Protein backbone atom coordinates (compact mmCIF):
# COMPACT_ATOMS: atom_id res chain seq x y z
CA UNK A 1 134.66 54.99 84.44
CA UNK A 2 132.00 53.41 82.21
CA UNK A 3 129.23 55.59 80.77
CA UNK A 4 125.78 54.20 80.31
CA UNK A 5 122.90 55.15 77.96
CA UNK A 6 119.43 56.01 79.21
CA UNK A 7 118.29 52.64 78.01
CA UNK A 8 120.97 50.91 80.07
CA UNK A 9 119.99 52.87 83.15
CA UNK A 10 116.29 52.18 82.61
CA UNK A 11 116.99 48.42 82.47
CA UNK A 12 119.21 48.57 85.58
CA UNK A 13 116.60 50.56 87.60
CA UNK A 14 113.49 48.84 86.07
CA UNK A 15 112.01 52.19 84.96
CA UNK A 16 111.19 53.68 81.57
CA UNK A 17 113.68 55.71 79.53
CA UNK A 18 111.51 58.73 79.95
CA UNK A 19 111.68 58.33 83.74
CA UNK A 20 115.48 58.35 83.48
CA UNK A 21 115.43 61.59 81.59
CA UNK A 22 113.01 63.10 84.09
CA UNK A 23 115.34 62.02 86.92
CA UNK A 24 118.31 63.65 85.20
CA UNK A 25 116.29 66.93 84.63
CA UNK A 26 115.19 66.95 88.30
CA UNK A 27 118.73 66.50 89.48
CA UNK A 28 118.15 63.04 90.98
CA UNK A 29 120.62 61.45 88.50
CA UNK A 30 123.65 63.21 87.32
CA UNK A 31 124.36 63.04 83.60
CA UNK A 32 127.07 64.08 81.12
CA UNK A 33 125.98 65.44 77.74
CA UNK A 34 128.00 64.07 74.86
CA UNK A 35 126.92 65.69 71.63
CA UNK A 36 123.10 65.41 71.76
CA UNK A 37 123.06 62.39 74.04
CA UNK A 38 123.00 62.05 77.84
CA UNK A 39 125.25 59.48 79.48
CA UNK A 40 125.26 58.34 83.11
CA UNK A 41 128.07 56.90 85.19
CA UNK A 42 127.84 53.28 86.24
CA UNK A 43 128.75 54.09 89.83
CA UNK A 44 125.89 56.48 90.29
CA UNK A 45 123.38 54.06 88.87
CA UNK A 46 124.62 51.33 91.23
CA UNK A 47 124.08 53.79 94.20
CA UNK A 48 120.50 54.42 93.10
CA UNK A 49 119.85 50.75 92.63
CA UNK A 50 120.65 50.03 96.28
């Protein structure tokens, strides 16, 4: 399982990093908090990109 940064997700979905954080806060995109950073699974991002 590969974890992606908000910047990676933003590039993959063609949205801003702030939109990625808003999606995570709204529950549209599941995230894992590692330290102070959020990470996102590659599989979930692929599902949203479809």
